[in-house]
Structure formats: structure tokens, C-alpha cells
Protein backbone atom coordinates (compact mmCIF):
# COMPACT_ATOMS: atom_id res chain seq x y z
CA MET A 1 14.60 0.10 -12.31
CA ILE A 2 16.30 3.40 -11.57
CA ARG A 3 19.01 4.01 -9.02
CA LEU A 4 20.27 7.32 -7.68
CA LYS A 5 24.01 7.70 -7.47
CA ARG A 6 25.39 7.79 -3.95
CA ARG A 7 25.34 11.28 -2.37
CA ARG A 8 23.54 12.76 -5.32
CA SER A 9 22.27 16.12 -4.05
CA ARG A 10 19.71 17.20 -6.64
CA PHE A 11 16.77 15.62 -8.40
CA VAL A 12 16.13 15.86 -12.13
CA LYS A 13 12.87 17.03 -13.72
CA LEU A 14 11.71 15.49 -16.97
CA ASN A 15 9.60 17.01 -19.73
CA GLN A 16 6.00 17.19 -18.47
CA SER A 17 4.57 16.27 -21.87
CA LYS A 18 6.17 12.82 -21.60
CA ILE A 19 4.65 12.01 -18.19
CA MET A 20 0.99 11.10 -18.50
CA LEU A 21 -1.67 9.61 -16.26
CA ILE A 22 -2.49 6.04 -17.29
CA GLU A 23 -6.24 5.54 -17.79
CA ASN A 24 -6.36 2.11 -19.41
CA HIS A 25 -4.72 -0.36 -17.05
CA PHE A 26 -5.45 -3.77 -15.57
CA LEU A 27 -7.01 -2.32 -12.40
CA SER A 28 -9.23 0.25 -14.11
CA THR A 29 -12.17 -1.29 -12.26
CA LEU A 30 -11.52 -2.61 -8.76
CA PRO A 31 -12.96 -6.10 -8.14
CA ASP A 32 -16.22 -6.62 -6.26
CA LEU A 33 -15.31 -8.06 -2.84
CA ALA A 34 -18.56 -10.00 -2.65
CA ALA A 35 -17.42 -12.05 -5.66
CA PHE A 36 -14.85 -13.83 -3.46
CA PRO A 37 -15.84 -17.53 -3.58
CA ASP A 38 -15.51 -18.24 0.15
CA TYR A 39 -18.37 -15.84 0.89
CA ALA A 40 -20.81 -16.90 -1.82
CA LYS A 41 -23.53 -17.63 0.74
CA GLU A 42 -23.30 -14.27 2.51
CA SER A 43 -26.00 -11.68 1.83
CA ARG A 44 -25.14 -8.80 -0.47
CA ASN A 45 -26.86 -5.89 -2.20
CA GLN A 46 -28.08 -7.04 -5.62
CA ASP A 47 -29.97 -3.88 -6.55
CA ALA A 48 -29.14 -1.82 -9.60
CA VAL A 49 -28.26 1.60 -8.19
CA ASP A 50 -27.91 4.90 -10.03
CA LEU A 51 -24.67 6.38 -8.71
CA SER A 52 -24.88 9.63 -10.68
CA PRO A 53 -26.14 11.64 -7.64
CA MET A 54 -23.07 10.49 -5.69
CA TYR A 55 -20.73 11.56 -8.49
CA GLN A 56 -22.43 14.95 -8.58
CA SER A 57 -22.29 15.51 -4.82
CA PHE A 58 -18.62 14.46 -4.83
CA GLU A 59 -17.86 17.03 -7.54
CA GLU A 60 -19.77 19.65 -5.55
CA GLY A 61 -18.01 18.75 -2.30
CA ASP A 62 -21.33 18.14 -0.53
CA TRP A 63 -20.62 15.42 2.03
CA ASN A 64 -24.09 15.41 3.59
CA LYS A 65 -25.73 14.80 0.25
CA PHE A 66 -23.09 12.25 -0.69
CA ILE A 67 -23.57 10.13 2.42
CA ASP A 68 -27.38 10.28 2.36
CA GLN A 69 -27.73 6.80 0.85
CA PRO A 70 -29.92 3.95 2.19
CA PHE A 71 -27.20 1.35 1.57
CA ILE A 72 -24.60 3.05 3.79
CA ASP A 73 -24.52 2.21 7.50
CA LYS A 74 -23.29 5.51 8.91
CA GLN A 75 -22.30 3.95 12.24
CA VAL A 76 -19.52 1.68 11.00
CA ARG A 77 -15.87 2.67 11.34
CA TRP A 78 -15.00 2.69 7.67
CA VAL A 79 -17.61 5.40 6.97
CA GLY A 80 -15.58 7.76 9.15
CA LYS A 81 -12.60 6.94 6.94
CA LEU A 82 -14.78 7.55 3.89
CA GLU A 83 -15.56 11.07 5.12
CA HIS A 84 -11.85 11.75 5.55
CA MET A 85 -11.12 10.52 2.02
CA PHE A 86 -14.02 12.53 0.60
CA HIS A 87 -12.64 15.79 2.00
CA PHE A 88 -9.00 14.89 1.26
CA TYR A 89 -9.69 14.48 -2.46
CA GLN A 90 -11.48 17.81 -2.67
CA LYS A 91 -8.12 19.55 -2.19
CA TRP A 92 -5.46 16.98 -3.06
CA LYS A 93 -2.99 17.66 -5.85
CA ARG A 94 -1.15 14.88 -7.63
CA PRO A 95 2.61 14.47 -7.14
CA ASP A 96 5.05 15.99 -9.60
CA TYR A 97 5.60 12.98 -11.83
CA THR A 98 8.37 14.79 -13.70
CA VAL A 99 10.68 14.32 -10.69
CA GLU A 100 13.23 11.69 -11.62
CA PRO A 101 13.90 9.03 -10.36
CA LEU A 102 10.41 8.68 -8.81
CA THR A 103 8.60 9.13 -12.12
CA ASP A 104 7.49 5.48 -12.12
CA GLY A 105 6.86 5.48 -8.37
CA ILE A 106 9.97 3.57 -7.27
CA CYS A 107 13.75 3.91 -7.13
CA MET A 108 16.46 1.74 -5.59
CA PHE A 109 19.86 1.92 -3.94
CA LYS A 110 22.60 -0.56 -3.14
CA GLU A 111 24.25 0.84 -0.01
CA ASP A 112 26.24 -0.14 3.06
CA VAL A 113 23.69 -0.45 5.89
CA ILE A 114 25.89 -2.33 8.36
CA ASP A 115 25.82 0.56 10.84
CA LEU A 116 22.02 0.63 10.78
CA ARG A 117 21.92 -3.13 11.36
CA LYS A 118 24.26 -2.84 14.35
CA LYS A 119 22.04 -0.20 15.92
CA VAL A 120 19.01 -2.54 15.93
CA ASP A 121 20.65 -5.93 16.54
CA SER A 122 19.30 -6.22 20.08
CA GLN A 123 15.72 -5.50 18.96
CA ILE A 124 16.09 -8.05 16.13
CA SER A 125 17.22 -10.70 18.62
CA GLN A 126 14.21 -10.02 20.85
CA LEU A 127 11.76 -10.25 17.97
CA LEU A 128 13.27 -13.50 16.70
CA LEU A 129 12.67 -15.06 20.12
CA GLN A 130 8.95 -14.20 20.13
CA ASP A 131 6.56 -17.13 19.92
CA ASP A 132 4.19 -17.42 16.97
CA TRP A 133 0.73 -16.00 17.58
CA THR A 134 -2.32 -14.80 15.67
CA PRO A 135 -2.09 -11.01 15.55
CA SER A 136 -5.27 -8.95 15.41
CA PRO A 137 -6.03 -7.07 12.17
CA GLY A 138 -3.61 -4.21 11.69
CA THR A 139 -0.88 -5.81 13.80
CA PHE A 140 2.38 -7.41 12.65
CA ASP A 141 3.51 -10.79 13.93
CA ARG A 142 6.90 -9.35 14.90
CA GLY A 143 7.73 -5.67 14.82
CA THR A 144 8.53 -2.63 16.90
CA GLN A 145 8.62 1.14 16.52
CA LEU A 146 12.12 2.64 16.62
CA PRO A 147 11.82 6.42 17.16
CA ASP A 148 15.54 6.68 17.95
CA MET A 149 16.34 5.49 14.41
CA CYS A 150 14.62 8.41 12.70
CA GLY A 151 17.75 10.56 13.03
CA PRO A 152 20.25 8.04 11.58
CA VAL A 153 17.92 7.16 8.70
CA GLN A 154 17.23 10.84 8.02
CA ASP A 155 20.98 11.49 7.81
CA LEU A 156 21.50 8.58 5.40
CA PHE A 157 18.56 9.61 3.21
CA GLN A 158 19.74 13.20 3.22
CA SER A 159 23.17 12.14 1.98
CA LEU A 160 21.63 10.04 -0.81
CA GLY A 161 19.34 12.83 -2.01
CA ILE A 162 16.24 10.85 -1.08
CA ILE A 163 14.76 13.56 1.13
CA GLU A 164 15.21 16.21 -1.54
CA THR A 165 13.75 14.02 -4.27
CA ALA A 166 10.80 12.80 -2.19
CA SER A 167 10.01 16.40 -1.19
CA ALA A 168 10.07 17.57 -4.79
CA TYR A 169 7.87 14.65 -5.88
CA ASN A 170 5.27 15.39 -3.18
CA ARG A 171 5.55 19.17 -3.64
CA ARG A 172 6.28 19.79 0.07
CA ASN A 173 9.10 19.30 2.53
CA LEU A 174 9.30 15.74 3.84
CA SER A 175 11.40 14.17 6.56
CA VAL A 176 11.70 10.76 8.21
CA ALA A 177 8.76 10.58 10.63
CA ASN A 178 8.69 6.90 11.54
CA VAL A 179 10.97 3.86 11.45
CA PHE A 180 9.50 0.42 12.12
CA LEU A 181 11.55 -2.76 12.46
CA HIS A 182 9.74 -5.71 10.88
CA VAL A 183 10.91 -9.29 11.23
CA ALA A 184 9.07 -11.54 8.78
CA LYS A 185 9.02 -15.34 9.08
CA GLU A 186 7.31 -18.13 7.18
CA THR A 187 4.89 -18.68 10.09
CA ASP A 188 3.50 -15.13 9.88
CA SER A 189 -0.18 -14.45 9.37
CA ASN A 190 -0.35 -10.63 9.26
CA TRP A 191 -0.33 -10.64 5.45
CA LYS A 192 -3.54 -12.69 5.45
CA GLN A 193 -5.56 -10.31 7.65
CA PHE A 194 -7.83 -8.97 4.92
CA PHE A 195 -10.48 -11.71 4.64
CA TYR A 196 -8.74 -13.28 7.66
CA ASP A 197 -11.25 -16.13 7.96
CA ALA A 198 -10.96 -17.15 4.29
CA LYS A 199 -9.40 -20.48 3.35
CA THR A 200 -8.63 -19.41 -0.23
CA THR A 201 -5.23 -17.70 -0.18
CA PRO A 202 -4.00 -16.73 -3.67
CA LYS A 203 -0.32 -16.00 -4.20
CA TYR A 204 -0.91 -12.25 -4.49
CA THR A 205 -2.75 -11.98 -1.17
CA ASN A 206 -1.92 -8.64 0.52
CA THR A 207 -1.01 -6.96 -2.75
CA HIS A 208 -2.38 -3.51 -2.13
CA ILE A 209 -2.26 0.26 -2.42
CA ASP A 210 -1.84 2.14 0.86
CA PRO A 211 -4.96 4.09 1.87
CA LYS A 212 -3.18 7.42 2.37
CA GLU A 213 -1.48 9.46 -0.33
CA ASN A 214 0.90 12.40 0.09
CA VAL A 215 3.64 10.38 1.83
CA ILE A 216 6.69 8.44 0.64
CA LYS A 217 7.92 5.17 2.12
CA ALA A 218 11.14 3.22 1.98
CA MET A 219 12.15 -0.35 2.72
CA ILE A 220 15.66 -1.04 4.02
CA TYR A 221 16.73 -4.69 3.89
CA LEU A 222 19.00 -5.66 6.79
CA ASN A 223 19.76 -9.18 5.56
CA ASP A 224 19.90 -11.08 2.28
CA VAL A 225 16.44 -11.06 0.74
CA SER A 226 15.17 -13.23 -2.10
CA THR A 227 11.72 -13.96 -3.49
CA ASP A 228 11.51 -16.81 -0.95
CA ASN A 229 11.95 -14.65 2.14
CA GLY A 230 9.88 -11.56 1.58
CA ALA A 231 11.21 -9.51 -1.34
CA PHE A 232 9.32 -6.28 -1.93
CA GLY A 233 7.34 -6.08 -5.17
CA TYR A 234 6.01 -3.05 -7.05
CA VAL A 235 4.10 -2.38 -10.26
CA HIS A 236 6.12 0.27 -12.07
CA GLN A 237 4.09 3.28 -13.26
CA SER A 238 1.10 2.25 -11.13
CA ASN A 239 1.66 5.49 -9.21
CA ARG A 240 0.14 7.15 -12.29
CA PHE A 241 -2.86 4.86 -12.68
CA LYS A 242 -6.13 6.80 -12.82
CA TYR A 243 -9.15 5.43 -10.94
CA ASP A 244 -12.85 6.13 -10.83
CA PRO A 245 -13.31 8.75 -8.06
CA LEU A 246 -15.98 6.79 -6.17
CA GLN A 247 -14.10 3.51 -6.28
CA ASN A 248 -10.99 5.38 -5.20
CA ILE A 249 -12.42 6.80 -1.98
CA PHE A 250 -14.51 3.72 -1.09
CA GLY A 251 -11.54 1.45 -1.73
CA ARG A 252 -9.31 3.51 0.52
CA ALA A 253 -11.93 3.83 3.25
CA VAL A 254 -12.61 0.09 3.39
CA SER A 255 -8.93 -0.87 3.32
CA THR A 256 -8.11 1.34 6.29
CA GLY A 257 -11.42 1.02 8.18
CA SER A 258 -12.30 -2.67 7.79
CA TYR A 259 -10.29 -5.80 7.13
CA CYS A 260 -13.55 -7.62 6.29
CA HIS A 261 -12.12 -10.32 8.51
CA ASN A 262 -15.43 -11.83 9.64
CA SER A 263 -19.06 -11.86 8.49
CA ALA A 264 -20.03 -9.03 10.84
CA GLU A 265 -17.32 -6.77 9.39
CA ARG A 266 -18.30 -7.67 5.84
CA LYS A 267 -22.00 -6.99 6.34
CA SER A 268 -21.85 -3.21 5.87
CA VAL A 269 -19.45 -3.54 2.91
CA PHE A 270 -21.54 -6.20 1.16
CA ALA A 271 -24.60 -3.94 1.63
CA LEU A 272 -23.07 -1.53 -0.87
CA PRO A 273 -23.82 -1.66 -4.60
CA SER A 274 -21.39 -3.97 -6.39
CA TYR A 275 -19.39 -1.09 -7.92
CA LEU A 276 -18.63 0.32 -4.46
CA ARG A 277 -17.82 -3.01 -2.74
CA VAL A 278 -14.09 -2.52 -3.19
CA SER A 279 -10.88 -2.27 -1.23
CA HIS A 280 -7.39 -1.04 -2.03
CA ASN A 281 -6.25 -4.25 -0.34
CA PHE A 282 -7.39 -6.26 -3.36
CA GLY A 283 -4.75 -9.02 -3.54
CA ARG A 284 -7.06 -11.79 -2.31
CA MET A 285 -9.21 -11.13 -5.37
CA ALA A 286 -6.40 -12.23 -7.71
CA LEU A 287 -7.73 -15.79 -7.79
CA GLU A 288 -5.82 -18.59 -9.46
CA GLY A 289 -6.39 -18.45 -13.20
CA SER A 290 -7.96 -14.98 -13.11
CA GLU A 291 -7.12 -12.05 -15.39
CA LEU A 292 -5.97 -10.09 -12.34
CA GLU A 293 -3.52 -12.83 -11.39
CA ALA A 294 -2.17 -12.88 -14.95
CA ALA A 295 -1.76 -9.09 -14.93
CA LEU A 296 0.17 -9.20 -11.65
CA ASP A 297 2.32 -12.05 -13.00
CA GLN A 298 3.30 -9.75 -15.83
CA ASN A 299 3.65 -6.46 -13.98
CA LEU A 300 4.63 -6.96 -10.33
CA GLU A 301 8.44 -6.81 -10.13
CA TYR A 302 10.27 -8.01 -7.02
CA VAL A 303 13.44 -6.39 -5.68
CA THR A 304 15.99 -8.78 -4.18
CA SER A 305 18.94 -7.68 -2.07
CA ASP A 306 21.47 -8.53 -4.76
CA GLU A 307 19.89 -5.68 -6.77
CA ALA A 308 19.23 -3.18 -3.98
CA ASN A 309 18.77 -2.97 -0.23
CA ILE A 310 17.00 0.41 -0.06
CA ILE A 311 13.75 0.81 -1.99
CA VAL A 312 11.98 4.17 -2.05
CA PHE A 313 8.40 4.21 -3.34
CA ASP A 314 5.08 5.99 -3.57
CA PRO A 315 2.82 3.79 -1.39
CA GLY A 316 -0.49 5.61 -1.65
CA ALA A 317 -0.75 5.25 -5.42
CA GLY A 318 1.57 2.38 -6.34
CA ILE A 319 0.57 -1.29 -6.27
CA HIS A 320 2.91 -3.26 -4.02
CA GLN A 321 3.42 -6.40 -1.94
CA GLY A 322 6.14 -7.66 0.37
CA GLY A 323 7.18 -9.44 3.53
CA ILE A 324 5.72 -12.84 2.63
CA CYS A 325 8.19 -15.60 3.46
CA THR A 326 7.83 -19.12 2.15
CA LYS A 327 11.11 -20.02 3.85
CA GLY A 328 13.66 -18.12 5.84
CA THR A 329 13.43 -14.71 7.51
CA ARG A 330 13.44 -11.12 6.32
CA LEU A 331 14.80 -8.30 8.47
CA ALA A 332 13.79 -4.84 7.33
CA LEU A 333 13.24 -1.27 8.40
CA GLN A 334 10.07 0.29 7.09
CA VAL A 335 10.48 4.05 6.81
CA LEU A 336 7.76 6.68 6.54
CA MET A 337 8.51 10.16 5.19
CA LYS A 338 5.89 12.84 5.62
């Protein structure tokens, strides 16, 4: 893992010829959600479908032709997200992977964050006192937005060269736009919200890729963090994984537009052909003993606080997981730069 030196003011660019997209990787084909064993009795589309017209209309940028498919329920929420993703990827340009130290999608810092912790101590105390509950999909068990912390975090990230590096990587000027305080405990259930009603909960549940690209995120640990209390994990170089264009936009649309958390929500997704029944929140599909589980065992690397307490990463391309406590509590600021 790569660390920037404190107060480093300029990024480094590597030789472009050495930075390649990765086509053959363990997630080259996203898993079919309807293959999840808990839902074996639920109806799904079993037809063989020729997807070549959809590939062609995607290449031509013709949304109306693209969406004119009998297996797509145009009224469901995730289809609106699909339209957004369709148009986004007509114009999107990949990050500059030559920008070091974000070449592999992640870099780390070991810094003094005591002042940040002091600024949010009262909010931490309030969140720790909250009773356990079952949050609705898309909601954390314990967390709060901290708009007043954007300035202090921006100043710290500016001094470390993070803002400059993130901007160069994303080819546009970025700044700290959101700071969210997340308190994770072993009684949490937010990480199980995709397939919320499932009983099967593999160890890589909630391993995912964020639905939106073109942003950079950071995690700031505010206490000692180990693999037991919510260490952040990332698959290095997964920011450069190349995906099938249809699976890419369907996976992003489903992950942001449906948590498939009950049979009614799954109905429109399971009506898709098997190749399109995918989500970028795929961690539940890493079943015990599966090839996907084995691949994540080998490639997902966790960052504990003895190594670093600030982790900067590409969330919209990189495979990551975090905030799952088996014992103890994790206190962290989640930072969005856009």
C-alpha cells in the first residue's frame, strides 16, 4: 500500500504505457442475483435473450431503443437510475490512472486526527447512546451529517496533497463536499440491507462498488480499528477492472435503485435475462466455498489503524467493504470529494 508523505504538495505521474485496464479478473462476469439460494422458489426469467440490439443501441446512444424491451418494467425506480447511467457512460472519461499514489485506487496516511476527534466528540456520544433499531434500506444504524466539518477536513486534505492528487486523478477540481460521522457496532444491520430478508449471510456481505463514478472518498478512523471492529477493505487495482458495458450500467442501476430487500422489490430484477440480473452490491453472492469467496479471500486487503487512519480511495470503480463489527465499535468520518 502506498502512503503520501505529510504535506506533500504535488502528485506524481507514471508512464502511461505501464498502467493498463485489467480485462481478465475474478469479477469479469457479475453473478446472477437469482442464483442466490434463499430465493430459489421465486419466479425468474428463464428465456434465452439476444442482447445484441441492446449493445448496439447503447453504442449509438439511443435510450428509447435501448429501453424498449419486454422484460423491463419501466415504472420501477431502478429503471430511472438505469437511464441516468446510460447517459452518464455516453460521455464519461476514465480517471488518469498514471496519477500516483492513486494508480491502484487507494492510498493511506498515518496522521494525527485528535483535533478532528475533539470536534465531533459530542455527536459521537449521542450516537453511542442510541438504541438498536432496524434501519430502512439506505440508512445507517448510527450516523449523522456534519456539514461544519467540511472546512476542517478540506484544510487537512489540502495540507496532505490529497485534494490536488484526487483532482488530478479525476481530471477536474475536487473539494470536500460531505462529511458523515458513522458509528459502527456489532449489533448493526445496515450492512445486510441488500437481500435484507435473506438468512444466508456470507462473510463478504456488503462488499460492493459504489454506483457513481467521478468522485473520490476517504475514511478517517477516529479510534483504534482492527479487523474485528470494522476495518476498511479494498481490492487493489480493481479501480482498473474492465466490465461488460451492459452489466456495468444494470449493476449500478440496481445497486442504487433497489436493495432487492423483499420479493416485491426483486420481481422486476428477476424478470431480467440472467446476464442482466446483477448488482454492484454483489457481496452476498460470495457464498461459502464459492470461487468468488476464494477470490476475495486472496484479494481484499483490510487497513487497520496501526497501518493508517486516513484511507483515500476510488469508490465508483474499486471493490471495497467496511464497517462490519464482530466485536467492539468503530468511529469514523466518511468523506466525499466531488
